[in-house]
mmCIF file of all heavy atoms, coordinates in Angstrom:
data_MODEL
# 
_entry.id   MODEL 
# 
loop_
_atom_site.group_PDB 
_atom_site.id 
_atom_site.type_symbol 
_atom_site.label_atom_id 
_atom_site.label_alt_id 
_atom_site.label_comp_id 
_atom_site.label_asym_id 
_atom_site.label_entity_id 
_atom_site.label_seq_id 
_atom_site.pdbx_PDB_ins_code 
_atom_site.Cartn_x 
_atom_site.Cartn_y 
_atom_site.Cartn_z 
_atom_site.occupancy 
_atom_site.B_iso_or_equiv 
_atom_site.pdbx_formal_charge 
_atom_site.auth_seq_id 
_atom_site.auth_comp_id 
_atom_site.auth_asym_id 
_atom_site.auth_atom_id 
_atom_site.pdbx_PDB_model_num 
ATOM 1   N N   . LYS A 1 1  ? -32.144 -16.118 49.399 1.00 0.00 ? 1  LYS A N   1 
ATOM 2   C CA  . LYS A 1 1  ? -32.323 -17.459 49.941 1.00 0.00 ? 1  LYS A CA  1 
ATOM 3   C C   . LYS A 1 1  ? -33.758 -17.948 49.786 1.00 0.00 ? 1  LYS A C   1 
ATOM 4   O O   . LYS A 1 1  ? -34.007 -19.026 49.237 1.00 0.00 ? 1  LYS A O   1 
ATOM 5   C CB  . LYS A 1 1  ? -31.905 -17.465 51.418 1.00 0.00 ? 1  LYS A CB  1 
ATOM 6   C CG  . LYS A 1 1  ? -32.315 -18.709 52.203 1.00 0.00 ? 1  LYS A CG  1 
ATOM 7   C CD  . LYS A 1 1  ? -31.663 -19.949 51.659 1.00 0.00 ? 1  LYS A CD  1 
ATOM 8   C CE  . LYS A 1 1  ? -32.069 -21.172 52.487 1.00 0.00 ? 1  LYS A CE  1 
ATOM 9   N NZ  . LYS A 1 1  ? -31.630 -22.430 51.857 1.00 0.00 ? 1  LYS A NZ  1 
ATOM 10  N N   . ILE A 1 2  ? -34.707 -17.160 50.288 1.00 0.00 ? 2  ILE A N   1 
ATOM 11  C CA  . ILE A 1 2  ? -36.099 -17.600 50.365 1.00 0.00 ? 2  ILE A CA  1 
ATOM 12  C C   . ILE A 1 2  ? -36.771 -17.635 48.996 1.00 0.00 ? 2  ILE A C   1 
ATOM 13  O O   . ILE A 1 2  ? -37.420 -18.628 48.627 1.00 0.00 ? 2  ILE A O   1 
ATOM 14  C CB  . ILE A 1 2  ? -36.901 -16.679 51.314 1.00 0.00 ? 2  ILE A CB  1 
ATOM 15  C CG1 . ILE A 1 2  ? -36.344 -16.748 52.737 1.00 0.00 ? 2  ILE A CG1 1 
ATOM 16  C CG2 . ILE A 1 2  ? -38.387 -17.049 51.303 1.00 0.00 ? 2  ILE A CG2 1 
ATOM 17  C CD1 . ILE A 1 2  ? -36.513 -18.082 53.403 1.00 0.00 ? 2  ILE A CD1 1 
ATOM 18  N N   . ILE A 1 3  ? -36.620 -16.550 48.246 1.00 0.00 ? 3  ILE A N   1 
ATOM 19  C CA  . ILE A 1 3  ? -37.371 -16.419 46.994 1.00 0.00 ? 3  ILE A CA  1 
ATOM 20  C C   . ILE A 1 3  ? -36.689 -17.162 45.843 1.00 0.00 ? 3  ILE A C   1 
ATOM 21  O O   . ILE A 1 3  ? -37.365 -17.801 45.029 1.00 0.00 ? 3  ILE A O   1 
ATOM 22  C CB  . ILE A 1 3  ? -37.548 -14.930 46.633 1.00 0.00 ? 3  ILE A CB  1 
ATOM 23  C CG1 . ILE A 1 3  ? -38.332 -14.204 47.737 1.00 0.00 ? 3  ILE A CG1 1 
ATOM 24  C CG2 . ILE A 1 3  ? -38.258 -14.776 45.287 1.00 0.00 ? 3  ILE A CG2 1 
ATOM 25  C CD1 . ILE A 1 3  ? -38.459 -12.710 47.515 1.00 0.00 ? 3  ILE A CD1 1 
ATOM 26  N N   . ILE A 1 4  ? -35.363 -17.092 45.783 1.00 0.00 ? 4  ILE A N   1 
ATOM 27  C CA  . ILE A 1 4  ? -34.670 -17.647 44.609 1.00 0.00 ? 4  ILE A CA  1 
ATOM 28  C C   . ILE A 1 4  ? -34.098 -19.037 44.879 1.00 0.00 ? 4  ILE A C   1 
ATOM 29  O O   . ILE A 1 4  ? -34.469 -20.000 44.208 1.00 0.00 ? 4  ILE A O   1 
ATOM 30  C CB  . ILE A 1 4  ? -33.559 -16.687 44.148 1.00 0.00 ? 4  ILE A CB  1 
ATOM 31  C CG1 . ILE A 1 4  ? -34.153 -15.308 43.818 1.00 0.00 ? 4  ILE A CG1 1 
ATOM 32  C CG2 . ILE A 1 4  ? -32.857 -17.263 42.922 1.00 0.00 ? 4  ILE A CG2 1 
ATOM 33  C CD1 . ILE A 1 4  ? -33.124 -14.276 43.412 1.00 0.00 ? 4  ILE A CD1 1 
ATOM 34  N N   . ALA A 1 5  ? -33.176 -19.144 45.855 1.00 0.00 ? 5  ALA A N   1 
ATOM 35  C CA  . ALA A 1 5  ? -32.476 -20.427 46.066 1.00 0.00 ? 5  ALA A CA  1 
ATOM 36  C C   . ALA A 1 5  ? -33.447 -21.549 46.406 1.00 0.00 ? 5  ALA A C   1 
ATOM 37  O O   . ALA A 1 5  ? -33.342 -22.660 45.872 1.00 0.00 ? 5  ALA A O   1 
ATOM 38  C CB  . ALA A 1 5  ? -31.432 -20.270 47.164 1.00 0.00 ? 5  ALA A CB  1 
ATOM 39  N N   . ASP A 1 6  ? -34.405 -21.280 47.299 1.00 0.00 ? 6  ASP A N   1 
ATOM 40  C CA  . ASP A 1 6  ? -35.339 -22.332 47.699 1.00 0.00 ? 6  ASP A CA  1 
ATOM 41  C C   . ASP A 1 6  ? -36.283 -22.710 46.558 1.00 0.00 ? 6  ASP A C   1 
ATOM 42  O O   . ASP A 1 6  ? -36.766 -23.848 46.494 1.00 0.00 ? 6  ASP A O   1 
ATOM 43  C CB  . ASP A 1 6  ? -36.147 -21.890 48.924 1.00 0.00 ? 6  ASP A CB  1 
ATOM 44  C CG  . ASP A 1 6  ? -35.310 -21.884 50.186 1.00 0.00 ? 6  ASP A CG  1 
ATOM 45  O OD1 . ASP A 1 6  ? -34.163 -22.374 50.137 1.00 0.00 ? 6  ASP A OD1 1 
ATOM 46  O OD2 . ASP A 1 6  ? -35.781 -21.386 51.227 1.00 0.00 ? 6  ASP A OD2 1 
ATOM 47  N N   . THR A 1 7  ? -36.569 -21.762 45.661 1.00 0.00 ? 7  THR A N   1 
ATOM 48  C CA  . THR A 1 7  ? -37.389 -22.082 44.487 1.00 0.00 ? 7  THR A CA  1 
ATOM 49  C C   . THR A 1 7  ? -36.617 -22.975 43.524 1.00 0.00 ? 7  THR A C   1 
ATOM 50  O O   . THR A 1 7  ? -37.158 -23.945 42.983 1.00 0.00 ? 7  THR A O   1 
ATOM 51  C CB  . THR A 1 7  ? -37.822 -20.793 43.774 1.00 0.00 ? 7  THR A CB  1 
ATOM 52  O OG1 . THR A 1 7  ? -38.633 -20.010 44.663 1.00 0.00 ? 7  THR A OG1 1 
ATOM 53  C CG2 . THR A 1 7  ? -38.633 -21.112 42.525 1.00 0.00 ? 7  THR A CG2 1 
ATOM 54  N N   . LEU A 1 8  ? -35.352 -22.656 43.305 1.00 0.00 ? 8  LEU A N   1 
ATOM 55  C CA  . LEU A 1 8  ? -34.536 -23.441 42.382 1.00 0.00 ? 8  LEU A CA  1 
ATOM 56  C C   . LEU A 1 8  ? -34.304 -24.863 42.877 1.00 0.00 ? 8  LEU A C   1 
ATOM 57  O O   . LEU A 1 8  ? -34.097 -25.782 42.069 1.00 0.00 ? 8  LEU A O   1 
ATOM 58  C CB  . LEU A 1 8  ? -33.183 -22.751 42.180 1.00 0.00 ? 8  LEU A CB  1 
ATOM 59  C CG  . LEU A 1 8  ? -33.200 -21.440 41.395 1.00 0.00 ? 8  LEU A CG  1 
ATOM 60  C CD1 . LEU A 1 8  ? -31.843 -20.747 41.492 1.00 0.00 ? 8  LEU A CD1 1 
ATOM 61  C CD2 . LEU A 1 8  ? -33.568 -21.683 39.944 1.00 0.00 ? 8  LEU A CD2 1 
ATOM 62  N N   . SER A 1 9  ? -34.344 -25.053 44.180 1.00 0.00 ? 9  SER A N   1 
ATOM 63  C CA  . SER A 1 9  ? -34.039 -26.379 44.737 1.00 0.00 ? 9  SER A CA  1 
ATOM 64  C C   . SER A 1 9  ? -34.979 -27.457 44.224 1.00 0.00 ? 9  SER A C   1 
ATOM 65  O O   . SER A 1 9  ? -34.602 -28.624 44.152 1.00 0.00 ? 9  SER A O   1 
ATOM 66  C CB  . SER A 1 9  ? -34.090 -26.322 46.267 1.00 0.00 ? 9  SER A CB  1 
ATOM 67  O OG  . SER A 1 9  ? -35.399 -26.058 46.729 1.00 0.00 ? 9  SER A OG  1 
ATOM 68  N N   . GLN A 1 10 ? -36.205 -27.071 43.847 1.00 0.00 ? 10 GLN A N   1 
ATOM 69  C CA  . GLN A 1 10 ? -37.178 -28.074 43.380 1.00 0.00 ? 10 GLN A CA  1 
ATOM 70  C C   . GLN A 1 10 ? -36.780 -28.687 42.042 1.00 0.00 ? 10 GLN A C   1 
ATOM 71  O O   . GLN A 1 10 ? -37.290 -29.752 41.666 1.00 0.00 ? 10 GLN A O   1 
ATOM 72  C CB  . GLN A 1 10 ? -38.563 -27.434 43.262 1.00 0.00 ? 10 GLN A CB  1 
ATOM 73  C CG  . GLN A 1 10 ? -38.665 -26.360 42.190 1.00 0.00 ? 10 GLN A CG  1 
ATOM 74  C CD  . GLN A 1 10 ? -40.042 -25.758 42.075 1.00 0.00 ? 10 GLN A CD  1 
ATOM 75  O OE1 . GLN A 1 10 ? -41.040 -26.475 42.032 1.00 0.00 ? 10 GLN A OE1 1 
ATOM 76  N NE2 . GLN A 1 10 ? -40.118 -24.437 42.058 1.00 0.00 ? 10 GLN A NE2 1 
ATOM 77  N N   . TRP A 1 11 ? -35.885 -28.036 41.304 1.00 0.00 ? 11 TRP A N   1 
ATOM 78  C CA  . TRP A 1 11 ? -35.428 -28.585 40.029 1.00 0.00 ? 11 TRP A CA  1 
ATOM 79  C C   . TRP A 1 11 ? -34.081 -29.281 40.151 1.00 0.00 ? 11 TRP A C   1 
ATOM 80  O O   . TRP A 1 11 ? -33.606 -29.865 39.185 1.00 0.00 ? 11 TRP A O   1 
ATOM 81  C CB  . TRP A 1 11 ? -35.312 -27.463 38.983 1.00 0.00 ? 11 TRP A CB  1 
ATOM 82  C CG  . TRP A 1 11 ? -36.601 -26.773 38.713 1.00 0.00 ? 11 TRP A CG  1 
ATOM 83  C CD1 . TRP A 1 11 ? -37.842 -27.323 38.692 1.00 0.00 ? 11 TRP A CD1 1 
ATOM 84  C CD2 . TRP A 1 11 ? -36.779 -25.373 38.436 1.00 0.00 ? 11 TRP A CD2 1 
ATOM 85  N NE1 . TRP A 1 11 ? -38.783 -26.378 38.430 1.00 0.00 ? 11 TRP A NE1 1 
ATOM 86  C CE2 . TRP A 1 11 ? -38.174 -25.167 38.260 1.00 0.00 ? 11 TRP A CE2 1 
ATOM 87  C CE3 . TRP A 1 11 ? -35.927 -24.296 38.322 1.00 0.00 ? 11 TRP A CE3 1 
ATOM 88  C CZ2 . TRP A 1 11 ? -38.703 -23.914 37.971 1.00 0.00 ? 11 TRP A CZ2 1 
ATOM 89  C CZ3 . TRP A 1 11 ? -36.456 -23.052 38.028 1.00 0.00 ? 11 TRP A CZ3 1 
ATOM 90  C CH2 . TRP A 1 11 ? -37.822 -22.859 37.858 1.00 0.00 ? 11 TRP A CH2 1 
ATOM 91  N N   . VAL A 1 12 ? -33.453 -29.193 41.303 1.00 0.00 ? 12 VAL A N   1 
ATOM 92  C CA  . VAL A 1 12 ? -32.107 -29.746 41.465 1.00 0.00 ? 12 VAL A CA  1 
ATOM 93  C C   . VAL A 1 12 ? -32.145 -31.210 41.910 1.00 0.00 ? 12 VAL A C   1 
ATOM 94  O O   . VAL A 1 12 ? -31.619 -32.097 41.234 1.00 0.00 ? 12 VAL A O   1 
ATOM 95  C CB  . VAL A 1 12 ? -31.280 -28.891 42.452 1.00 0.00 ? 12 VAL A CB  1 
ATOM 96  C CG1 . VAL A 1 12 ? -29.934 -29.552 42.722 1.00 0.00 ? 12 VAL A CG1 1 
ATOM 97  C CG2 . VAL A 1 12 ? -31.091 -27.478 41.916 1.00 0.00 ? 12 VAL A CG2 1 
ATOM 98  N N   . SER A 1 13 ? -32.768 -31.458 43.047 1.00 0.00 ? 13 SER A N   1 
ATOM 99  C CA  . SER A 1 13 ? -32.762 -32.810 43.612 1.00 0.00 ? 13 SER A CA  1 
ATOM 100 C C   . SER A 1 13 ? -33.355 -33.863 42.679 1.00 0.00 ? 13 SER A C   1 
ATOM 101 O O   . SER A 1 13 ? -32.790 -34.961 42.555 1.00 0.00 ? 13 SER A O   1 
ATOM 102 C CB  . SER A 1 13 ? -33.485 -32.821 44.960 1.00 0.00 ? 13 SER A CB  1 
ATOM 103 O OG  . SER A 1 13 ? -32.770 -32.061 45.909 1.00 0.00 ? 13 SER A OG  1 
ATOM 104 N N   . PRO A 1 14 ? -34.519 -33.603 41.997 1.00 0.00 ? 14 PRO A N   1 
ATOM 105 C CA  . PRO A 1 14 ? -35.063 -34.643 41.114 1.00 0.00 ? 14 PRO A CA  1 
ATOM 106 C C   . PRO A 1 14 ? -34.097 -35.071 40.025 1.00 0.00 ? 14 PRO A C   1 
ATOM 107 O O   . PRO A 1 14 ? -34.127 -36.220 39.596 1.00 0.00 ? 14 PRO A O   1 
ATOM 108 C CB  . PRO A 1 14 ? -36.309 -33.969 40.517 1.00 0.00 ? 14 PRO A CB  1 
ATOM 109 C CG  . PRO A 1 14 ? -36.697 -32.927 41.512 1.00 0.00 ? 14 PRO A CG  1 
ATOM 110 C CD  . PRO A 1 14 ? -35.410 -32.425 42.066 1.00 0.00 ? 14 PRO A CD  1 
ATOM 111 N N   . ILE A 1 15 ? -33.237 -34.168 39.575 1.00 0.00 ? 15 ILE A N   1 
ATOM 112 C CA  . ILE A 1 15 ? -32.287 -34.504 38.510 1.00 0.00 ? 15 ILE A CA  1 
ATOM 113 C C   . ILE A 1 15 ? -31.087 -35.250 39.063 1.00 0.00 ? 15 ILE A C   1 
ATOM 114 O O   . ILE A 1 15 ? -30.718 -36.326 38.581 1.00 0.00 ? 15 ILE A O   1 
ATOM 115 C CB  . ILE A 1 15 ? -31.821 -33.233 37.779 1.00 0.00 ? 15 ILE A CB  1 
ATOM 116 C CG1 . ILE A 1 15 ? -33.030 -32.461 37.237 1.00 0.00 ? 15 ILE A CG1 1 
ATOM 117 C CG2 . ILE A 1 15 ? -30.849 -33.586 36.673 1.00 0.00 ? 15 ILE A CG2 1 
ATOM 118 C CD1 . ILE A 1 15 ? -33.943 -33.287 36.375 1.00 0.00 ? 15 ILE A CD1 1 
ATOM 119 N N   . PHE A 1 16 ? -30.466 -34.694 40.091 1.00 0.00 ? 16 PHE A N   1 
ATOM 120 C CA  . PHE A 1 16 ? -29.246 -35.314 40.624 1.00 0.00 ? 16 PHE A CA  1 
ATOM 121 C C   . PHE A 1 16 ? -29.546 -36.618 41.361 1.00 0.00 ? 16 PHE A C   1 
ATOM 122 O O   . PHE A 1 16 ? -28.648 -37.444 41.512 1.00 0.00 ? 16 PHE A O   1 
ATOM 123 C CB  . PHE A 1 16 ? -28.522 -34.323 41.534 1.00 0.00 ? 16 PHE A CB  1 
ATOM 124 C CG  . PHE A 1 16 ? -27.769 -33.263 40.786 1.00 0.00 ? 16 PHE A CG  1 
ATOM 125 C CD1 . PHE A 1 16 ? -28.383 -32.071 40.430 1.00 0.00 ? 16 PHE A CD1 1 
ATOM 126 C CD2 . PHE A 1 16 ? -26.453 -33.468 40.420 1.00 0.00 ? 16 PHE A CD2 1 
ATOM 127 C CE1 . PHE A 1 16 ? -27.691 -31.100 39.724 1.00 0.00 ? 16 PHE A CE1 1 
ATOM 128 C CE2 . PHE A 1 16 ? -25.748 -32.501 39.711 1.00 0.00 ? 16 PHE A CE2 1 
ATOM 129 C CZ  . PHE A 1 16 ? -26.375 -31.312 39.357 1.00 0.00 ? 16 PHE A CZ  1 
ATOM 130 N N   . ASN A 1 17 ? -30.767 -36.805 41.806 1.00 0.00 ? 17 ASN A N   1 
ATOM 131 C CA  . ASN A 1 17 ? -31.131 -38.074 42.448 1.00 0.00 ? 17 ASN A CA  1 
ATOM 132 C C   . ASN A 1 17 ? -31.533 -39.138 41.429 1.00 0.00 ? 17 ASN A C   1 
ATOM 133 O O   . ASN A 1 17 ? -31.727 -40.296 41.790 1.00 0.00 ? 17 ASN A O   1 
ATOM 134 C CB  . ASN A 1 17 ? -32.286 -37.857 43.431 1.00 0.00 ? 17 ASN A CB  1 
ATOM 135 C CG  . ASN A 1 17 ? -31.863 -37.033 44.638 1.00 0.00 ? 17 ASN A CG  1 
ATOM 136 O OD1 . ASN A 1 17 ? -30.678 -36.877 44.900 1.00 0.00 ? 17 ASN A OD1 1 
ATOM 137 N ND2 . ASN A 1 17 ? -32.830 -36.512 45.369 1.00 0.00 ? 17 ASN A ND2 1 
ATOM 138 N N   . ASN A 1 18 ? -31.690 -38.740 40.159 1.00 0.00 ? 18 ASN A N   1 
ATOM 139 C CA  . ASN A 1 18 ? -32.076 -39.682 39.099 1.00 0.00 ? 18 ASN A CA  1 
ATOM 140 C C   . ASN A 1 18 ? -31.186 -39.477 37.882 1.00 0.00 ? 18 ASN A C   1 
ATOM 141 O O   . ASN A 1 18 ? -31.656 -39.399 36.749 1.00 0.00 ? 18 ASN A O   1 
ATOM 142 C CB  . ASN A 1 18 ? -33.548 -39.478 38.721 1.00 0.00 ? 18 ASN A CB  1 
ATOM 143 C CG  . ASN A 1 18 ? -34.495 -39.739 39.873 1.00 0.00 ? 18 ASN A CG  1 
ATOM 144 O OD1 . ASN A 1 18 ? -34.846 -40.881 40.158 1.00 0.00 ? 18 ASN A OD1 1 
ATOM 145 N ND2 . ASN A 1 18 ? -34.912 -38.677 40.551 1.00 0.00 ? 18 ASN A ND2 1 
ATOM 146 N N   . ALA A 1 19 ? -29.900 -39.393 38.125 1.00 0.00 ? 19 ALA A N   1 
ATOM 147 C CA  . ALA A 1 19 ? -28.950 -39.083 37.053 1.00 0.00 ? 19 ALA A CA  1 
ATOM 148 C C   . ALA A 1 19 ? -28.983 -40.104 35.934 1.00 0.00 ? 19 ALA A C   1 
ATOM 149 O O   . ALA A 1 19 ? -28.740 -39.767 34.768 1.00 0.00 ? 19 ALA A O   1 
ATOM 150 C CB  . ALA A 1 19 ? -27.541 -38.987 37.632 1.00 0.00 ? 19 ALA A CB  1 
ATOM 151 N N   . ASP A 1 20 ? -29.302 -41.350 36.261 1.00 0.00 ? 20 ASP A N   1 
ATOM 152 C CA  . ASP A 1 20 ? -29.248 -42.407 35.256 1.00 0.00 ? 20 ASP A CA  1 
ATOM 153 C C   . ASP A 1 20 ? -30.383 -42.338 34.249 1.00 0.00 ? 20 ASP A C   1 
ATOM 154 O O   . ASP A 1 20 ? -30.280 -42.906 33.159 1.00 0.00 ? 20 ASP A O   1 
ATOM 155 C CB  . ASP A 1 20 ? -29.235 -43.783 35.933 1.00 0.00 ? 20 ASP A CB  1 
ATOM 156 C CG  . ASP A 1 20 ? -30.424 -43.977 36.860 1.00 0.00 ? 20 ASP A CG  1 
ATOM 157 O OD1 . ASP A 1 20 ? -30.925 -42.977 37.408 1.00 0.00 ? 20 ASP A OD1 1 
ATOM 158 O OD2 . ASP A 1 20 ? -30.850 -45.132 37.049 1.00 0.00 ? 20 ASP A OD2 1 
ATOM 159 N N   . ILE A 1 21 ? -31.481 -41.629 34.564 1.00 0.00 ? 21 ILE A N   1 
ATOM 160 C CA  . ILE A 1 21 ? -32.612 -41.569 33.639 1.00 0.00 ? 21 ILE A CA  1 
ATOM 161 C C   . ILE A 1 21 ? -32.922 -40.146 33.203 1.00 0.00 ? 21 ILE A C   1 
ATOM 162 O O   . ILE A 1 21 ? -33.893 -39.912 32.482 1.00 0.00 ? 21 ILE A O   1 
ATOM 163 C CB  . ILE A 1 21 ? -33.881 -42.193 34.272 1.00 0.00 ? 21 ILE A CB  1 
ATOM 164 C CG1 . ILE A 1 21 ? -34.252 -41.467 35.569 1.00 0.00 ? 21 ILE A CG1 1 
ATOM 165 C CG2 . ILE A 1 21 ? -33.685 -43.681 34.517 1.00 0.00 ? 21 ILE A CG2 1 
ATOM 166 C CD1 . ILE A 1 21 ? -35.575 -41.940 36.157 1.00 0.00 ? 21 ILE A CD1 1 
ATOM 167 N N   . ALA A 1 22 ? -32.106 -39.176 33.619 1.00 0.00 ? 22 ALA A N   1 
ATOM 168 C CA  . ALA A 1 22 ? -32.345 -37.780 33.242 1.00 0.00 ? 22 ALA A CA  1 
ATOM 169 C C   . ALA A 1 22 ? -32.157 -37.599 31.741 1.00 0.00 ? 22 ALA A C   1 
ATOM 170 O O   . ALA A 1 22 ? -31.264 -38.196 31.130 1.00 0.00 ? 22 ALA A O   1 
ATOM 171 C CB  . ALA A 1 22 ? -31.402 -36.850 33.999 1.00 0.00 ? 22 ALA A CB  1 
ATOM 172 N N   . THR A 1 23 ? -33.011 -36.788 31.124 1.00 0.00 ? 23 THR A N   1 
ATOM 173 C CA  . THR A 1 23 ? -32.899 -36.488 29.701 1.00 0.00 ? 23 THR A CA  1 
ATOM 174 C C   . THR A 1 23 ? -31.969 -35.299 29.487 1.00 0.00 ? 23 THR A C   1 
ATOM 175 O O   . THR A 1 23 ? -31.524 -34.652 30.432 1.00 0.00 ? 23 THR A O   1 
ATOM 176 C CB  . THR A 1 23 ? -34.272 -36.165 29.105 1.00 0.00 ? 23 THR A CB  1 
ATOM 177 O OG1 . THR A 1 23 ? -34.768 -34.957 29.715 1.00 0.00 ? 23 THR A OG1 1 
ATOM 178 C CG2 . THR A 1 23 ? -35.255 -37.302 29.355 1.00 0.00 ? 23 THR A CG2 1 
ATOM 179 N N   . PHE A 1 24 ? -31.698 -35.002 28.226 1.00 0.00 ? 24 PHE A N   1 
ATOM 180 C CA  . PHE A 1 24 ? -30.821 -33.888 27.861 1.00 0.00 ? 24 PHE A CA  1 
ATOM 181 C C   . PHE A 1 24 ? -31.321 -32.582 28.481 1.00 0.00 ? 24 PHE A C   1 
ATOM 182 O O   . PHE A 1 24 ? -30.549 -31.835 29.105 1.00 0.00 ? 24 PHE A O   1 
ATOM 183 C CB  . PHE A 1 24 ? -30.770 -33.777 26.334 1.00 0.00 ? 24 PHE A CB  1 
ATOM 184 C CG  . PHE A 1 24 ? -29.979 -32.605 25.825 1.00 0.00 ? 24 PHE A CG  1 
ATOM 185 C CD1 . PHE A 1 24 ? -28.592 -32.653 25.787 1.00 0.00 ? 24 PHE A CD1 1 
ATOM 186 C CD2 . PHE A 1 24 ? -30.628 -31.461 25.378 1.00 0.00 ? 24 PHE A CD2 1 
ATOM 187 C CE1 . PHE A 1 24 ? -27.863 -31.574 25.312 1.00 0.00 ? 24 PHE A CE1 1 
ATOM 188 C CE2 . PHE A 1 24 ? -29.904 -30.380 24.899 1.00 0.00 ? 24 PHE A CE2 1 
ATOM 189 C CZ  . PHE A 1 24 ? -28.519 -30.429 24.868 1.00 0.00 ? 24 PHE A CZ  1 
ATOM 190 N N   . ILE A 1 25 ? -32.608 -32.297 28.309 1.00 0.00 ? 25 ILE A N   1 
ATOM 191 C CA  . ILE A 1 25 ? -33.189 -31.058 28.837 1.00 0.00 ? 25 ILE A CA  1 
ATOM 192 C C   . ILE A 1 25 ? -33.113 -31.041 30.354 1.00 0.00 ? 25 ILE A C   1 
ATOM 193 O O   . ILE A 1 25 ? -32.719 -30.046 30.976 1.00 0.00 ? 25 ILE A O   1 
ATOM 194 C CB  . ILE A 1 25 ? -34.660 -30.903 28.387 1.00 0.00 ? 25 ILE A CB  1 
ATOM 195 C CG1 . ILE A 1 25 ? -34.724 -30.663 26.882 1.00 0.00 ? 25 ILE A CG1 1 
ATOM 196 C CG2 . ILE A 1 25 ? -35.339 -29.780 29.151 1.00 0.00 ? 25 ILE A CG2 1 
ATOM 197 C CD1 . ILE A 1 25 ? -34.171 -29.319 26.446 1.00 0.00 ? 25 ILE A CD1 1 
ATOM 198 N N   . GLU A 1 26 ? -33.488 -32.155 30.977 1.00 0.00 ? 26 GLU A N   1 
ATOM 199 C CA  . GLU A 1 26 ? -33.480 -32.226 32.440 1.00 0.00 ? 26 GLU A CA  1 
ATOM 200 C C   . GLU A 1 26 ? -32.078 -32.034 32.997 1.00 0.00 ? 26 GLU A C   1 
ATOM 201 O O   . GLU A 1 26 ? -31.892 -31.338 34.001 1.00 0.00 ? 26 GLU A O   1 
ATOM 202 C CB  . GLU A 1 26 ? -34.042 -33.580 32.891 1.00 0.00 ? 26 GLU A CB  1 
ATOM 203 C CG  . GLU A 1 26 ? -35.529 -33.725 32.652 1.00 0.00 ? 26 GLU A CG  1 
ATOM 204 C CD  . GLU A 1 26 ? -35.997 -35.151 32.874 1.00 0.00 ? 26 GLU A CD  1 
ATOM 205 O OE1 . GLU A 1 26 ? -35.157 -36.070 32.871 1.00 0.00 ? 26 GLU A OE1 1 
ATOM 206 O OE2 . GLU A 1 26 ? -37.206 -35.336 33.045 1.00 0.00 ? 26 GLU A OE2 1 
ATOM 207 N N   . ALA A 1 27 ? -31.084 -32.646 32.360 1.00 0.00 ? 27 ALA A N   1 
ATOM 208 C CA  . ALA A 1 27 ? -29.713 -32.536 32.856 1.00 0.00 ? 27 ALA A CA  1 
ATOM 209 C C   . ALA A 1 27 ? -29.253 -31.082 32.844 1.00 0.00 ? 27 ALA A C   1 
ATOM 210 O O   . ALA A 1 27 ? -28.629 -30.611 33.804 1.00 0.00 ? 27 ALA A O   1 
ATOM 211 C CB  . ALA A 1 27 ? -28.781 -33.408 32.014 1.00 0.00 ? 27 ALA A CB  1 
ATOM 212 N N   . TRP A 1 28 ? -29.567 -30.366 31.771 1.00 0.00 ? 28 TRP A N   1 
ATOM 213 C CA  . TRP A 1 28 ? -29.161 -28.967 31.690 1.00 0.00 ? 28 TRP A CA  1 
ATOM 214 C C   . TRP A 1 28 ? -29.945 -28.080 32.657 1.00 0.00 ? 28 TRP A C   1 
ATOM 215 O O   . TRP A 1 28 ? -29.379 -27.182 33.286 1.00 0.00 ? 28 TRP A O   1 
ATOM 216 C CB  . TRP A 1 28 ? -29.306 -28.448 30.261 1.00 0.00 ? 28 TRP A CB  1 
ATOM 217 C CG  . TRP A 1 28 ? -28.075 -28.712 29.450 1.00 0.00 ? 28 TRP A CG  1 
ATOM 218 C CD1 . TRP A 1 28 ? -27.902 -29.680 28.503 1.00 0.00 ? 28 TRP A CD1 1 
ATOM 219 C CD2 . TRP A 1 28 ? -26.828 -28.016 29.544 1.00 0.00 ? 28 TRP A CD2 1 
ATOM 220 N NE1 . TRP A 1 28 ? -26.625 -29.630 27.992 1.00 0.00 ? 28 TRP A NE1 1 
ATOM 221 C CE2 . TRP A 1 28 ? -25.944 -28.610 28.610 1.00 0.00 ? 28 TRP A CE2 1 
ATOM 222 C CE3 . TRP A 1 28 ? -26.371 -26.956 30.318 1.00 0.00 ? 28 TRP A CE3 1 
ATOM 223 C CZ2 . TRP A 1 28 ? -24.627 -28.182 28.442 1.00 0.00 ? 28 TRP A CZ2 1 
ATOM 224 C CZ3 . TRP A 1 28 ? -25.065 -26.517 30.154 1.00 0.00 ? 28 TRP A CZ3 1 
ATOM 225 C CH2 . TRP A 1 28 ? -24.211 -27.119 29.234 1.00 0.00 ? 28 TRP A CH2 1 
# 
């Protein structure tokens, strides 16, 4: 939870909150 999941969260919200402008790399 602390080391992995919470670290990954920083790459999740910026993409899913900006789906209309996400690039190919960002979406993946």
